[in-house]
């Protein structure tokens, strides 16, 4: 199966999972971290925790953007959350991370314990879920495109680790 077909199937499967908003909870001490940079100045970080909430699988998380963002990125940073997903082991638990709470950028190690927005899925929580690794998958994507007589100009989100805070390492460092 091609990578595109796998991602399309993953998106379709997770899109069918119902979710119920929960007010908020604190992230665990070591949330899963992901993020990346844009081809124009700007970067994005996501921190997420998967936990049992009322016998179901719950996802809590936050996102932040760098303090310095290009005018082409400003207002579009959040778009990178749409095709992103939280994985529990090899299973995509939820995609479309628009429900995440925006917080100020902080160093990668400082997201543990902060207040986060959560959703509860229809997926039943099992005892073995607590031992499964949690990962945030953020695909490479175009967040802005302009086509004119001079050609095509695109701003691309490039995954590459948590990077919204100025002190976080960048993929090109």
N, C-alpha and C. Protein backbone atom coordinates (compact mmCIF):
# COMPACT_ATOMS: atom_id res chain seq x y z
N UNK A 1 0.86 -1.17 0.00
CA UNK A 1 0.00 0.00 0.00
C UNK A 1 0.90 1.23 0.00
N UNK A 2 0.60 2.21 -0.82
CA UNK A 2 1.41 3.42 -0.88
C UNK A 2 1.22 4.24 0.39
N UNK A 3 2.17 5.09 0.64
CA UNK A 3 2.09 5.93 1.84
C UNK A 3 0.85 6.82 1.81
N UNK A 4 0.53 7.36 0.62
CA UNK A 4 -0.66 8.21 0.49
C UNK A 4 -1.92 7.42 0.80
N UNK A 5 -2.02 6.21 0.26
CA UNK A 5 -3.20 5.38 0.50
C UNK A 5 -3.32 5.03 1.98
N UNK A 6 -2.18 4.76 2.62
CA UNK A 6 -2.19 4.44 4.05
C UNK A 6 -2.67 5.64 4.86
N UNK A 7 -2.15 6.84 4.54
CA UNK A 7 -2.57 8.04 5.26
C UNK A 7 -4.05 8.36 5.01
N UNK A 8 -4.51 8.15 3.78
CA UNK A 8 -5.93 8.38 3.47
C UNK A 8 -6.81 7.42 4.25
N UNK A 9 -6.42 6.16 4.31
CA UNK A 9 -7.19 5.17 5.08
C UNK A 9 -7.18 5.52 6.56
N UNK A 10 -6.02 5.96 7.06
CA UNK A 10 -5.90 6.37 8.45
C UNK A 10 -6.82 7.55 8.76
N UNK A 11 -6.83 8.54 7.89
CA UNK A 11 -7.69 9.71 8.09
C UNK A 11 -9.17 9.32 8.07
N UNK A 12 -9.54 8.45 7.14
CA UNK A 12 -10.93 8.01 7.04
C UNK A 12 -11.34 7.24 8.29
N UNK A 13 -10.48 6.35 8.75
CA UNK A 13 -10.79 5.55 9.93
C UNK A 13 -10.95 6.42 11.16
N UNK A 14 -10.00 7.34 11.38
CA UNK A 14 -10.07 8.17 12.57
C UNK A 14 -11.16 9.22 12.48
N UNK A 15 -11.52 9.62 11.27
CA UNK A 15 -12.60 10.60 11.12
C UNK A 15 -13.93 10.01 11.55
N UNK A 16 -14.05 8.69 11.50
CA UNK A 16 -15.28 8.01 11.88
C UNK A 16 -15.41 7.84 13.39
N UNK A 17 -14.33 8.07 14.13
CA UNK A 17 -14.36 7.91 15.58
C UNK A 17 -15.05 9.12 16.19
N UNK A 18 -16.14 8.88 16.89
CA UNK A 18 -16.86 9.98 17.53
C UNK A 18 -16.04 10.49 18.71
N UNK A 19 -16.16 11.79 18.98
CA UNK A 19 -15.47 12.36 20.11
C UNK A 19 -16.39 13.31 20.86
N UNK A 20 -16.21 13.31 22.15
CA UNK A 20 -16.99 14.16 23.01
C UNK A 20 -16.05 15.12 23.71
N UNK A 21 -16.29 16.42 23.61
CA UNK A 21 -15.42 17.37 24.31
C UNK A 21 -15.53 17.22 25.82
N UNK A 22 -14.40 17.38 26.49
CA UNK A 22 -14.33 17.40 27.94
C UNK A 22 -13.73 18.76 28.29
N UNK A 23 -14.15 19.36 29.36
CA UNK A 23 -13.68 20.70 29.68
C UNK A 23 -12.16 20.83 29.56
N UNK A 24 -11.42 20.26 30.49
CA UNK A 24 -9.96 20.30 30.42
C UNK A 24 -9.38 19.43 31.53
N UNK A 25 -8.14 19.06 31.32
CA UNK A 25 -7.37 18.28 32.30
C UNK A 25 -5.92 18.68 32.14
N UNK A 26 -5.11 18.28 33.07
CA UNK A 26 -3.68 18.56 32.98
C UNK A 26 -2.99 17.47 32.18
N UNK A 27 -1.99 17.88 31.39
CA UNK A 27 -1.18 16.90 30.67
C UNK A 27 -0.36 16.10 31.66
N UNK A 28 0.02 14.89 31.28
CA UNK A 28 0.89 14.08 32.11
C UNK A 28 2.27 14.72 32.22
N UNK A 29 3.13 14.12 33.03
CA UNK A 29 4.47 14.67 33.24
C UNK A 29 5.33 14.64 31.98
N UNK A 30 5.12 13.64 31.14
CA UNK A 30 5.92 13.50 29.92
C UNK A 30 5.01 13.32 28.71
N UNK A 31 4.34 14.38 28.26
CA UNK A 31 3.44 14.24 27.11
C UNK A 31 4.23 13.95 25.83
N UNK A 32 3.54 13.35 24.86
CA UNK A 32 4.14 13.14 23.55
C UNK A 32 4.30 14.51 22.89
N UNK A 33 5.45 14.74 22.28
CA UNK A 33 5.74 16.03 21.66
C UNK A 33 5.99 15.86 20.17
N UNK A 34 5.53 16.80 19.40
CA UNK A 34 5.80 16.84 17.97
C UNK A 34 5.75 18.29 17.53
N UNK A 35 6.16 18.52 16.32
CA UNK A 35 6.12 19.87 15.79
C UNK A 35 6.92 19.97 14.53
N UNK A 36 7.20 21.18 14.16
CA UNK A 36 7.98 21.40 12.96
C UNK A 36 8.08 22.86 12.64
N UNK A 37 8.63 23.12 11.48
CA UNK A 37 8.86 24.48 11.04
C UNK A 37 8.17 24.71 9.70
N UNK A 38 8.04 25.96 9.33
CA UNK A 38 7.47 26.34 8.05
C UNK A 38 8.59 26.79 7.13
N UNK A 39 8.38 26.74 5.84
CA UNK A 39 9.40 27.19 4.89
C UNK A 39 9.55 28.70 4.91
N UNK A 40 8.62 29.42 5.51
CA UNK A 40 8.74 30.84 5.82
C UNK A 40 8.93 30.89 7.34
N UNK A 41 9.47 31.97 7.90
CA UNK A 41 9.71 31.99 9.34
C UNK A 41 8.46 31.62 10.16
N UNK A 42 8.66 30.69 11.09
CA UNK A 42 7.61 30.25 11.98
C UNK A 42 7.73 28.77 12.30
N UNK A 43 7.25 28.39 13.47
CA UNK A 43 7.29 26.99 13.87
C UNK A 43 6.12 26.68 14.80
N UNK A 44 5.90 25.39 15.01
CA UNK A 44 4.72 24.90 15.71
C UNK A 44 5.10 23.72 16.60
N UNK A 45 4.53 23.65 17.80
CA UNK A 45 4.72 22.51 18.69
C UNK A 45 3.37 21.98 19.15
N UNK A 46 3.29 20.67 19.37
CA UNK A 46 2.10 20.01 19.91
C UNK A 46 2.54 19.09 21.03
N UNK A 47 1.79 19.10 22.13
CA UNK A 47 2.02 18.18 23.25
C UNK A 47 0.69 17.49 23.54
N UNK A 48 0.71 16.16 23.68
CA UNK A 48 -0.53 15.41 23.90
C UNK A 48 -0.32 14.25 24.86
N UNK A 49 -1.38 13.94 25.59
CA UNK A 49 -1.43 12.81 26.51
C UNK A 49 -2.66 12.00 26.17
N UNK A 50 -2.53 10.68 26.19
CA UNK A 50 -3.67 9.78 26.01
C UNK A 50 -3.93 9.13 27.36
N UNK A 51 -5.21 9.12 27.78
CA UNK A 51 -5.54 8.56 29.09
C UNK A 51 -6.95 7.98 29.09
N UNK A 52 -7.24 7.24 30.12
CA UNK A 52 -8.58 6.68 30.30
C UNK A 52 -9.47 7.74 30.93
N UNK A 53 -10.62 7.97 30.32
CA UNK A 53 -11.61 8.91 30.86
C UNK A 53 -12.96 8.21 30.81
N UNK A 54 -13.48 7.79 31.94
CA UNK A 54 -14.78 7.13 32.00
C UNK A 54 -14.84 5.83 31.21
N UNK A 55 -13.75 5.08 31.18
CA UNK A 55 -13.74 3.81 30.46
C UNK A 55 -13.45 3.94 28.98
N UNK A 56 -13.29 5.14 28.49
CA UNK A 56 -13.01 5.40 27.07
C UNK A 56 -11.61 6.00 26.93
N UNK A 57 -11.14 6.08 25.70
CA UNK A 57 -9.83 6.66 25.42
C UNK A 57 -9.99 8.17 25.25
N UNK A 58 -9.27 8.91 26.07
CA UNK A 58 -9.30 10.37 26.00
C UNK A 58 -7.97 10.92 25.53
N UNK A 59 -8.03 12.02 24.81
CA UNK A 59 -6.83 12.70 24.32
C UNK A 59 -6.87 14.13 24.82
N UNK A 60 -5.80 14.54 25.46
CA UNK A 60 -5.66 15.91 25.95
C UNK A 60 -4.42 16.50 25.31
N UNK A 61 -4.50 17.77 24.95
CA UNK A 61 -3.32 18.36 24.33
C UNK A 61 -3.37 19.86 24.17
N UNK A 62 -2.22 20.39 23.80
CA UNK A 62 -2.05 21.82 23.56
C UNK A 62 -1.18 22.01 22.32
N UNK A 63 -1.23 23.22 21.77
CA UNK A 63 -0.33 23.58 20.68
C UNK A 63 0.16 24.99 20.90
N UNK A 64 1.32 25.30 20.32
CA UNK A 64 1.85 26.65 20.40
C UNK A 64 2.61 26.97 19.12
N UNK A 65 2.70 28.25 18.84
CA UNK A 65 3.46 28.70 17.68
C UNK A 65 4.58 29.60 18.17
N UNK A 66 5.60 29.72 17.35
CA UNK A 66 6.74 30.55 17.71
C UNK A 66 6.33 32.02 17.83
N UNK A 67 7.11 32.76 18.58
CA UNK A 67 6.82 34.18 18.74
C UNK A 67 7.06 34.94 17.45
N UNK A 68 7.98 34.47 16.62
CA UNK A 68 8.28 35.10 15.35
C UNK A 68 7.70 34.23 14.24
N UNK A 69 6.71 34.78 13.53
CA UNK A 69 6.14 34.08 12.39
C UNK A 69 6.01 35.05 11.22
N UNK A 70 6.19 34.53 10.03
CA UNK A 70 6.05 35.32 8.81
C UNK A 70 4.60 35.75 8.65
N UNK A 71 4.39 36.85 7.96
CA UNK A 71 3.02 37.29 7.64
C UNK A 71 2.29 36.23 6.83
N UNK A 72 3.04 35.42 6.07
CA UNK A 72 2.42 34.36 5.28
C UNK A 72 1.99 33.17 6.14
N UNK A 73 2.59 33.04 7.31
CA UNK A 73 2.27 31.93 8.22
C UNK A 73 1.24 32.37 9.26
N UNK A 74 1.30 33.62 9.69
CA UNK A 74 0.40 34.12 10.74
C UNK A 74 -1.05 33.84 10.37
N UNK A 75 -1.78 33.23 11.27
CA UNK A 75 -3.17 32.89 11.03
C UNK A 75 -3.37 31.56 10.32
N UNK A 76 -2.27 30.98 9.84
CA UNK A 76 -2.37 29.69 9.14
C UNK A 76 -1.69 28.57 9.91
N UNK A 77 -0.99 28.90 10.97
CA UNK A 77 -0.26 27.91 11.75
C UNK A 77 -1.17 26.78 12.18
N UNK A 78 -2.35 27.12 12.67
CA UNK A 78 -3.31 26.14 13.17
C UNK A 78 -3.74 25.15 12.09
N UNK A 79 -3.66 25.54 10.82
CA UNK A 79 -4.06 24.64 9.73
C UNK A 79 -3.27 23.33 9.74
N UNK A 80 -2.05 23.36 10.25
CA UNK A 80 -1.24 22.14 10.30
C UNK A 80 -1.81 21.11 11.26
N UNK A 81 -2.75 21.50 12.13
CA UNK A 81 -3.35 20.56 13.08
C UNK A 81 -4.42 19.68 12.43
N UNK A 82 -5.00 20.12 11.32
CA UNK A 82 -6.09 19.38 10.68
C UNK A 82 -5.74 17.96 10.29
N UNK A 83 -4.69 17.74 9.51
CA UNK A 83 -4.36 16.38 9.11
C UNK A 83 -3.48 15.64 10.12
N UNK A 84 -3.20 16.26 11.25
CA UNK A 84 -2.37 15.62 12.28
C UNK A 84 -3.20 14.64 13.09
N UNK A 85 -2.51 13.66 13.71
CA UNK A 85 -3.20 12.61 14.47
C UNK A 85 -2.42 12.25 15.71
N UNK A 86 -3.14 11.75 16.74
CA UNK A 86 -2.51 11.19 17.93
C UNK A 86 -2.59 9.68 17.80
N UNK A 87 -1.43 9.04 17.93
CA UNK A 87 -1.31 7.60 17.78
C UNK A 87 -1.08 6.96 19.14
N UNK A 88 -1.74 5.83 19.37
CA UNK A 88 -1.53 5.02 20.58
C UNK A 88 -1.02 3.68 20.07
N UNK A 89 0.26 3.41 20.28
CA UNK A 89 0.88 2.26 19.63
C UNK A 89 0.87 2.51 18.14
N UNK A 90 0.33 1.58 17.36
CA UNK A 90 0.24 1.73 15.91
C UNK A 90 -1.15 2.19 15.45
N UNK A 91 -1.99 2.57 16.38
CA UNK A 91 -3.38 2.93 16.07
C UNK A 91 -3.59 4.43 16.17
N UNK A 92 -4.18 5.01 15.15
CA UNK A 92 -4.55 6.42 15.19
C UNK A 92 -5.83 6.53 16.03
N UNK A 93 -5.75 7.22 17.15
CA UNK A 93 -6.90 7.35 18.04
C UNK A 93 -7.79 8.50 17.62
N UNK A 94 -7.17 9.60 17.19
CA UNK A 94 -7.95 10.76 16.75
C UNK A 94 -7.12 11.58 15.77
N UNK A 95 -7.79 12.14 14.77
CA UNK A 95 -7.13 13.06 13.85
C UNK A 95 -7.93 14.36 13.84
N UNK A 96 -7.37 15.37 13.23
CA UNK A 96 -8.04 16.67 13.25
C UNK A 96 -7.89 17.26 14.63
N UNK A 97 -6.71 17.76 14.95
CA UNK A 97 -6.41 18.21 16.30
C UNK A 97 -6.81 19.66 16.57
N UNK A 98 -7.83 20.13 15.89
CA UNK A 98 -8.29 21.51 16.10
C UNK A 98 -8.81 21.77 17.51
N UNK A 99 -9.16 20.73 18.24
CA UNK A 99 -9.68 20.90 19.59
C UNK A 99 -8.60 21.29 20.60
N UNK A 100 -7.33 21.16 20.25
CA UNK A 100 -6.26 21.46 21.18
C UNK A 100 -6.26 22.93 21.60
N UNK A 101 -5.88 23.18 22.83
CA UNK A 101 -5.80 24.54 23.38
C UNK A 101 -4.48 25.19 22.96
N UNK A 102 -4.53 26.44 22.53
CA UNK A 102 -3.31 27.19 22.21
C UNK A 102 -2.73 27.75 23.49
N UNK A 103 -1.42 27.56 23.65
CA UNK A 103 -0.70 28.08 24.81
C UNK A 103 0.55 28.81 24.32
N UNK A 104 1.13 29.66 25.15
CA UNK A 104 2.37 30.32 24.75
C UNK A 104 3.48 29.28 24.54
N UNK A 105 4.38 29.57 23.61
CA UNK A 105 5.50 28.66 23.33
C UNK A 105 6.36 28.51 24.58
N UNK A 106 6.84 27.30 24.79
CA UNK A 106 7.72 27.00 25.91
C UNK A 106 8.73 25.95 25.45
N UNK A 107 9.84 25.79 26.16
CA UNK A 107 10.80 24.74 25.78
C UNK A 107 10.13 23.37 25.80
N UNK A 108 10.62 22.46 24.95
CA UNK A 108 10.00 21.15 24.78
C UNK A 108 9.78 20.41 26.09
N UNK A 109 10.68 20.51 27.03
CA UNK A 109 10.55 19.79 28.30
C UNK A 109 9.58 20.40 29.29
N UNK A 110 8.96 21.53 28.95
CA UNK A 110 8.11 22.25 29.91
C UNK A 110 6.61 22.13 29.64
N UNK A 111 6.16 21.18 28.85
CA UNK A 111 4.73 21.04 28.57
C UNK A 111 4.02 20.16 29.59
N UNK A 112 4.75 19.36 30.34
CA UNK A 112 4.13 18.46 31.32
C UNK A 112 3.37 19.23 32.39
N UNK A 113 2.16 18.75 32.71
CA UNK A 113 1.38 19.30 33.81
C UNK A 113 0.58 20.55 33.48
N UNK A 114 0.63 21.07 32.25
CA UNK A 114 -0.15 22.27 31.97
C UNK A 114 -1.59 21.91 31.60
N UNK A 115 -2.48 22.85 31.78
CA UNK A 115 -3.91 22.65 31.49
C UNK A 115 -4.11 22.50 29.99
N UNK A 116 -4.87 21.46 29.59
CA UNK A 116 -5.07 21.15 28.19
C UNK A 116 -6.54 20.86 27.91
N UNK A 117 -6.96 21.08 26.68
CA UNK A 117 -8.31 20.69 26.26
C UNK A 117 -8.30 19.22 25.88
N UNK A 118 -9.41 18.54 26.12
CA UNK A 118 -9.49 17.10 25.92
C UNK A 118 -10.75 16.71 25.15
N UNK A 119 -10.68 15.53 24.50
CA UNK A 119 -11.85 14.89 23.92
C UNK A 119 -11.84 13.43 24.37
N UNK A 120 -13.03 12.85 24.41
CA UNK A 120 -13.18 11.43 24.72
C UNK A 120 -13.69 10.77 23.45
N UNK A 121 -13.03 9.68 23.03
CA UNK A 121 -13.44 8.97 21.82
C UNK A 121 -14.36 7.81 22.19
N UNK A 122 -14.91 7.17 21.18
CA UNK A 122 -15.73 5.98 21.40
C UNK A 122 -14.88 4.75 21.68
N UNK A 123 -13.58 4.86 21.49
CA UNK A 123 -12.68 3.72 21.68
C UNK A 123 -12.62 3.34 23.16
N UNK A 124 -12.87 2.06 23.46
CA UNK A 124 -12.81 1.56 24.83
C UNK A 124 -11.36 1.47 25.28
N UNK A 125 -11.09 1.96 26.47
CA UNK A 125 -9.74 1.91 27.04
C UNK A 125 -9.50 0.51 27.59
N UNK A 126 -8.32 -0.05 27.32
CA UNK A 126 -7.96 -1.35 27.87
C UNK A 126 -6.75 -1.18 28.78
N UNK A 127 -6.55 -2.14 29.69
CA UNK A 127 -5.44 -2.06 30.64
C UNK A 127 -4.09 -1.98 29.92
N UNK A 128 -3.96 -2.64 28.78
CA UNK A 128 -2.69 -2.64 28.05
C UNK A 128 -2.40 -1.29 27.39
N UNK A 129 -3.39 -0.43 27.24
CA UNK A 129 -3.19 0.87 26.60
C UNK A 129 -2.20 1.75 27.38
N UNK A 130 -2.18 1.60 28.69
CA UNK A 130 -1.30 2.43 29.52
C UNK A 130 0.17 2.22 29.18
N UNK A 131 0.52 1.05 28.67
CA UNK A 131 1.92 0.75 28.35
C UNK A 131 2.28 1.07 26.90
N UNK A 132 1.31 1.42 26.08
CA UNK A 132 1.58 1.69 24.66
C UNK A 132 2.19 3.08 24.48
N UNK A 133 3.12 3.21 23.53
CA UNK A 133 3.71 4.52 23.28
C UNK A 133 2.69 5.46 22.61
N UNK A 134 2.77 6.72 22.97
CA UNK A 134 1.91 7.75 22.38
C UNK A 134 2.78 8.60 21.47
N UNK A 135 2.26 8.90 20.28
CA UNK A 135 3.00 9.69 19.31
C UNK A 135 2.03 10.64 18.62
N UNK A 136 2.50 11.83 18.31
CA UNK A 136 1.72 12.79 17.52
C UNK A 136 2.31 12.78 16.11
N UNK A 137 1.46 12.45 15.14
CA UNK A 137 1.90 12.41 13.74
C UNK A 137 1.45 13.71 13.06
N UNK A 138 2.42 14.44 12.53
CA UNK A 138 2.14 15.69 11.83
C UNK A 138 2.76 15.60 10.44
N UNK A 139 1.95 15.45 9.39
CA UNK A 139 2.51 15.29 8.05
C UNK A 139 2.99 16.62 7.44
N UNK A 140 3.90 16.48 6.50
CA UNK A 140 4.35 17.62 5.70
C UNK A 140 3.14 18.09 4.89
N UNK A 141 2.96 19.41 4.76
CA UNK A 141 1.80 19.91 4.04
C UNK A 141 1.98 21.36 3.61
N UNK A 142 1.25 21.76 2.59
CA UNK A 142 1.24 23.14 2.12
C UNK A 142 0.19 23.89 2.95
N UNK A 143 0.59 24.99 3.59
CA UNK A 143 -0.36 25.79 4.39
C UNK A 143 -0.73 27.10 3.70
N UNK A 144 0.02 27.46 2.67
CA UNK A 144 -0.30 28.68 1.92
C UNK A 144 0.22 28.50 0.50
N UNK A 145 -0.57 28.95 -0.48
CA UNK A 145 -0.15 28.86 -1.88
C UNK A 145 -0.67 30.08 -2.63
N UNK A 146 0.20 30.67 -3.44
CA UNK A 146 -0.18 31.80 -4.27
C UNK A 146 0.31 31.50 -5.68
N UNK A 147 -0.60 31.59 -6.64
CA UNK A 147 -0.25 31.35 -8.03
C UNK A 147 -0.53 32.63 -8.81
N UNK A 148 0.50 33.12 -9.48
CA UNK A 148 0.33 34.31 -10.32
C UNK A 148 1.18 34.16 -11.57
N UNK A 149 1.32 35.25 -12.32
CA UNK A 149 2.06 35.18 -13.58
C UNK A 149 3.55 34.87 -13.38
N UNK A 150 4.05 35.05 -12.18
CA UNK A 150 5.46 34.74 -11.90
C UNK A 150 5.66 33.30 -11.47
N UNK A 151 4.59 32.57 -11.24
CA UNK A 151 4.71 31.16 -10.86
C UNK A 151 3.94 30.83 -9.59
N UNK A 152 4.38 29.78 -8.94
CA UNK A 152 3.71 29.29 -7.73
C UNK A 152 4.61 29.56 -6.53
N UNK A 153 4.04 30.14 -5.49
CA UNK A 153 4.75 30.34 -4.23
C UNK A 153 4.01 29.57 -3.15
N UNK A 154 4.72 28.73 -2.42
CA UNK A 154 4.10 27.92 -1.36
C UNK A 154 4.84 28.09 -0.05
N UNK A 155 4.08 28.01 1.04
CA UNK A 155 4.65 27.88 2.38
C UNK A 155 4.30 26.48 2.84
N UNK A 156 5.33 25.71 3.20
CA UNK A 156 5.17 24.31 3.55
C UNK A 156 5.49 24.09 5.02
N UNK A 157 4.64 23.31 5.71
CA UNK A 157 4.94 22.86 7.07
C UNK A 157 5.81 21.62 6.95
N UNK A 158 6.95 21.63 7.64
CA UNK A 158 7.89 20.51 7.61
C UNK A 158 8.01 19.93 9.01
N UNK A 159 7.53 18.69 9.23
CA UNK A 159 7.65 18.10 10.56
C UNK A 159 9.12 17.93 10.92
N UNK A 160 9.40 18.05 12.20
CA UNK A 160 10.79 17.90 12.62
C UNK A 160 10.99 18.12 14.09
N UNK A 161 10.11 17.63 14.92
CA UNK A 161 10.28 17.74 16.37
C UNK A 161 9.66 18.99 16.93
N UNK A 162 9.49 19.03 18.25
CA UNK A 162 8.91 20.23 18.87
C UNK A 162 9.84 21.40 18.61
N UNK A 163 9.28 22.51 18.17
CA UNK A 163 10.17 23.59 17.78
C UNK A 163 9.57 24.98 17.89
N UNK A 164 8.47 25.17 18.57
CA UNK A 164 7.89 26.50 18.64
C UNK A 164 8.72 27.45 19.50
N UNK A 165 9.36 26.93 20.52
CA UNK A 165 10.15 27.79 21.39
C UNK A 165 11.50 28.07 20.75
N UNK A 166 11.99 29.27 20.92
CA UNK A 166 13.26 29.68 20.29
C UNK A 166 14.43 28.79 20.72
N UNK A 167 14.38 28.21 21.93
CA UNK A 167 15.49 27.37 22.42
C UNK A 167 15.42 25.93 21.94
N UNK A 168 14.31 25.49 21.35
CA UNK A 168 14.21 24.13 20.85
C UNK A 168 15.10 23.95 19.63
N UNK A 169 15.73 22.78 19.50
CA UNK A 169 16.56 22.56 18.31
C UNK A 169 15.70 22.52 17.05
N UNK A 170 16.22 23.04 15.97
CA UNK A 170 15.53 23.04 14.69
C UNK A 170 16.14 21.96 13.80
N UNK A 171 15.40 21.46 12.82
CA UNK A 171 15.90 20.38 11.98
C UNK A 171 17.22 20.73 11.27
N UNK A 172 17.47 22.00 11.01
CA UNK A 172 18.66 22.39 10.27
C UNK A 172 19.83 22.72 11.19
N UNK A 173 19.63 22.65 12.53
CA UNK A 173 20.73 22.94 13.47
C UNK A 173 21.73 21.81 13.50
